[in-house]
N, C-alpha and C. Protein backbone atom coordinates (compact mmCIF):
# COMPACT_ATOMS: atom_id res chain seq x y z
N MET A 1 63.73 99.44 76.69
CA MET A 1 64.38 98.05 77.22
C MET A 1 64.56 98.03 78.57
N LEU A 2 65.16 99.01 79.48
CA LEU A 2 65.61 98.80 80.94
C LEU A 2 64.02 98.90 81.69
N VAL A 3 63.15 99.45 81.05
CA VAL A 3 61.66 99.31 81.97
C VAL A 3 61.11 98.09 81.76
N GLU A 4 61.12 97.36 80.49
CA GLU A 4 60.78 96.02 80.65
C GLU A 4 61.35 95.10 81.53
N ARG A 5 62.86 95.31 81.25
CA ARG A 5 63.79 94.36 82.45
C ARG A 5 63.68 94.57 83.81
N GLY A 6 63.23 95.63 83.94
CA GLY A 6 62.82 96.45 85.78
C GLY A 6 61.55 95.52 85.86
N LEU A 7 60.36 95.82 84.86
CA LEU A 7 59.21 95.05 85.16
C LEU A 7 59.32 93.60 85.01
N ARG A 8 60.22 92.95 84.23
CA ARG A 8 60.24 91.23 84.85
C ARG A 8 61.19 91.00 86.10
N VAL A 9 61.73 91.71 86.35
CA VAL A 9 62.64 91.64 87.77
C VAL A 9 61.47 91.71 88.55
N LEU A 10 60.28 92.38 88.73
CA LEU A 10 59.61 92.72 89.73
C LEU A 10 58.19 91.81 89.92
N ASN A 11 58.34 91.11 88.66
CA ASN A 11 57.40 89.81 88.16
C ASN A 11 57.95 88.82 88.94
N VAL A 12 58.81 88.66 88.64
CA VAL A 12 59.82 87.39 89.17
C VAL A 12 60.10 87.47 91.00
N GLU A 13 59.73 88.41 91.00
CA GLU A 13 60.16 88.47 92.88
C GLU A 13 58.44 88.47 93.18
N ALA A 14 57.50 88.90 92.61
CA ALA A 14 55.97 88.75 93.18
C ALA A 14 55.93 87.21 93.30
N VAL A 15 56.39 86.45 92.13
CA VAL A 15 56.11 85.01 92.15
C VAL A 15 57.05 84.31 93.33
N GLY A 16 58.23 84.74 93.48
CA GLY A 16 59.01 84.33 94.31
C GLY A 16 58.62 84.52 95.88
N ASP A 17 57.72 85.67 95.76
CA ASP A 17 57.33 86.01 97.34
C ASP A 17 56.48 85.25 97.79
N ALA A 18 55.36 85.46 96.80
CA ALA A 18 54.21 84.43 96.94
C ALA A 18 54.56 83.19 97.06
N TYR A 19 55.52 82.53 96.71
CA TYR A 19 55.88 80.97 96.44
C TYR A 19 56.10 80.79 98.44
N ALA A 20 57.48 82.18 98.56
CA ALA A 20 57.63 81.99 99.82
C ALA A 20 56.60 81.63 101.03
N ILE A 21 55.70 82.78 101.05
CA ILE A 21 54.61 82.76 101.61
C ILE A 21 53.85 81.08 101.78
N ALA A 22 53.42 80.87 100.40
CA ALA A 22 52.65 79.95 100.48
C ALA A 22 53.25 78.77 101.06
N SER A 23 54.61 78.38 100.56
CA SER A 23 55.29 77.07 100.96
C SER A 23 55.54 77.25 102.62
N ASN A 24 55.86 78.05 102.92
CA ASN A 24 56.06 78.47 104.37
C ASN A 24 54.62 78.05 105.35
N TYR A 25 53.58 78.35 104.78
CA TYR A 25 52.28 78.17 105.18
C TYR A 25 52.13 76.52 105.37
N LEU A 26 52.36 76.39 104.24
CA LEU A 26 51.72 74.97 103.84
C LEU A 26 52.92 73.45 104.79
N ARG A 27 54.33 74.00 104.83
CA ARG A 27 55.31 73.52 105.62
C ARG A 27 54.90 73.29 107.10
N ARG A 28 54.45 74.68 107.69
CA ARG A 28 54.00 74.60 108.94
C ARG A 28 52.80 73.92 109.26
N SER A 29 52.01 73.90 108.24
CA SER A 29 50.77 72.70 108.45
C SER A 29 50.53 71.30 108.04
N GLY A 30 52.06 71.03 107.67
CA GLY A 30 51.99 69.34 107.30
C GLY A 30 51.85 69.40 105.68
N ALA A 31 51.25 70.03 105.16
CA ALA A 31 50.42 69.96 103.66
C ALA A 31 51.75 69.21 102.68
N ILE A 32 52.87 70.04 103.01
CA ILE A 32 54.29 69.65 102.28
C ILE A 32 55.40 69.19 103.18
N ALA A 33 56.36 68.41 102.59
CA ALA A 33 57.32 67.93 103.20
C ALA A 33 58.10 69.42 103.95
N ASP A 34 58.53 69.13 104.55
CA ASP A 34 59.76 70.60 105.29
C ASP A 34 61.13 69.99 104.88
N THR A 35 61.27 70.47 103.26
CA THR A 35 62.63 70.22 102.49
C THR A 35 62.89 71.89 101.97
N PHE A 36 64.15 71.84 101.29
CA PHE A 36 64.39 72.99 100.27
C PHE A 36 64.07 72.73 99.05
N VAL A 37 63.32 71.64 99.09
CA VAL A 37 62.88 71.08 97.22
C VAL A 37 61.88 72.04 97.09
N THR A 38 61.95 72.69 95.81
CA THR A 38 60.86 73.46 95.37
C THR A 38 59.59 72.51 94.99
N ASN A 39 58.29 72.67 95.47
CA ASN A 39 57.18 72.02 95.56
C ASN A 39 56.34 72.34 94.03
N GLU A 40 56.70 71.91 93.08
CA GLU A 40 56.54 72.05 91.54
C GLU A 40 54.84 72.41 91.08
N ARG A 41 54.16 71.42 91.76
CA ARG A 41 52.80 71.61 91.52
C ARG A 41 52.05 73.51 92.74
N LEU A 42 52.71 73.22 93.78
CA LEU A 42 52.51 74.80 94.35
C LEU A 42 53.17 75.85 93.04
N LEU A 43 54.30 75.41 92.45
CA LEU A 43 54.62 76.69 92.08
C LEU A 43 54.14 77.03 90.72
N GLN A 44 53.48 75.86 89.96
CA GLN A 44 52.68 76.01 88.77
C GLN A 44 51.54 76.78 89.10
N ILE A 45 50.93 76.39 90.06
CA ILE A 45 49.54 77.19 90.49
C ILE A 45 49.72 78.56 90.40
N ILE A 46 50.85 79.10 91.13
CA ILE A 46 51.20 80.45 91.48
C ILE A 46 51.67 81.25 89.97
N VAL A 47 52.28 80.27 89.38
CA VAL A 47 52.66 81.13 87.59
C VAL A 47 51.56 81.13 87.37
N GLU A 48 50.25 80.25 87.03
CA GLU A 48 49.85 80.21 86.32
C GLU A 48 48.48 81.36 86.80
N MET A 49 48.59 81.54 87.84
CA MET A 49 47.41 82.42 88.32
C MET A 49 48.37 84.27 87.98
N PHE A 50 49.76 84.16 88.09
CA PHE A 50 50.18 85.53 87.97
C PHE A 50 50.11 85.45 86.13
N GLN A 51 50.13 84.67 85.58
CA GLN A 51 49.83 84.78 84.06
C GLN A 51 48.58 85.33 83.90
N ARG A 52 47.63 84.90 84.63
CA ARG A 52 46.36 85.17 84.40
C ARG A 52 45.92 86.55 84.81
N GLY A 53 46.68 87.18 85.48
CA GLY A 53 47.00 88.85 85.76
C GLY A 53 47.26 89.12 87.06
N GLU A 54 46.84 88.24 88.09
CA GLU A 54 47.00 88.40 89.61
C GLU A 54 48.36 88.97 89.76
N MET A 55 48.75 90.05 90.34
CA MET A 55 49.91 90.65 90.65
C MET A 55 50.46 90.67 92.10
N ASN A 56 49.42 90.45 93.10
CA ASN A 56 49.53 91.14 94.61
C ASN A 56 50.10 89.54 94.90
N LYS A 57 51.31 89.35 95.62
CA LYS A 57 51.87 88.61 96.27
C LYS A 57 51.08 87.72 97.04
N LEU A 58 50.31 88.52 98.19
CA LEU A 58 49.64 87.78 99.18
C LEU A 58 48.40 87.17 98.35
N LYS A 59 47.76 87.87 97.67
CA LYS A 59 46.77 87.15 96.92
C LYS A 59 47.21 85.92 96.14
N LEU A 60 48.16 86.05 95.81
CA LEU A 60 48.78 84.73 94.83
C LEU A 60 48.90 84.00 96.17
N ALA A 61 49.48 83.89 97.11
CA ALA A 61 49.60 82.94 97.97
C ALA A 61 48.56 82.43 98.38
N ASN A 62 47.61 83.19 99.03
CA ASN A 62 46.49 82.84 99.38
C ASN A 62 45.64 81.87 98.73
N LYS A 63 45.39 82.46 97.08
CA LYS A 63 44.71 81.85 96.35
C LYS A 63 45.54 80.20 95.98
N ALA A 64 46.88 80.13 96.13
CA ALA A 64 47.29 79.14 95.69
C ALA A 64 47.60 78.16 96.81
N ILE A 65 47.41 78.66 98.08
CA ILE A 65 46.87 77.83 99.41
C ILE A 65 45.70 77.07 99.10
N VAL A 66 44.85 77.83 98.64
CA VAL A 66 43.67 77.12 99.26
C VAL A 66 43.45 76.16 97.62
N GLN A 67 43.79 76.52 96.13
CA GLN A 67 44.08 75.45 95.29
C GLN A 67 44.98 74.63 95.63
N PHE A 68 46.05 74.43 96.41
CA PHE A 68 46.94 73.43 96.67
C PHE A 68 46.16 72.84 97.60
N GLU A 69 45.26 72.89 98.99
CA GLU A 69 44.59 71.96 99.97
C GLU A 69 43.57 71.26 99.11
N ALA A 70 42.76 72.20 98.33
CA ALA A 70 41.89 71.72 97.58
C ALA A 70 41.84 70.31 96.81
N ALA A 71 43.17 70.47 95.89
CA ALA A 71 43.45 69.50 94.93
C ALA A 71 44.37 68.36 95.86
N THR A 72 44.68 68.74 97.01
CA THR A 72 45.07 67.59 98.02
C THR A 72 44.24 66.70 98.73
N LEU A 73 42.82 67.02 99.24
CA LEU A 73 41.69 66.79 99.76
C LEU A 73 40.98 65.98 98.63
N ILE A 74 41.26 66.43 97.24
CA ILE A 74 40.43 65.46 96.10
C ILE A 74 41.05 64.50 96.06
N THR A 75 42.42 64.33 95.89
CA THR A 75 43.28 63.13 95.58
C THR A 75 43.57 62.33 96.67
N SER A 76 43.16 62.51 98.01
CA SER A 76 43.58 62.07 99.15
C SER A 76 42.68 60.94 99.43
């Protein structure tokens, strides 16, 4: 039980770190507003990739940035 809780903490940390990296980049590039409000679409992309098995926070962030920017170009 303690190991399972420990893994969940690490999992949340990886998703949180990936979101912080991706949102910082996207804010600086102007793709998302410079606010403290969580971008739900970006978070959803990261969580879905994490659930599919990607655990590396840098890969999560980079792939999320690419997906987010591609979706933004399509809808623009």
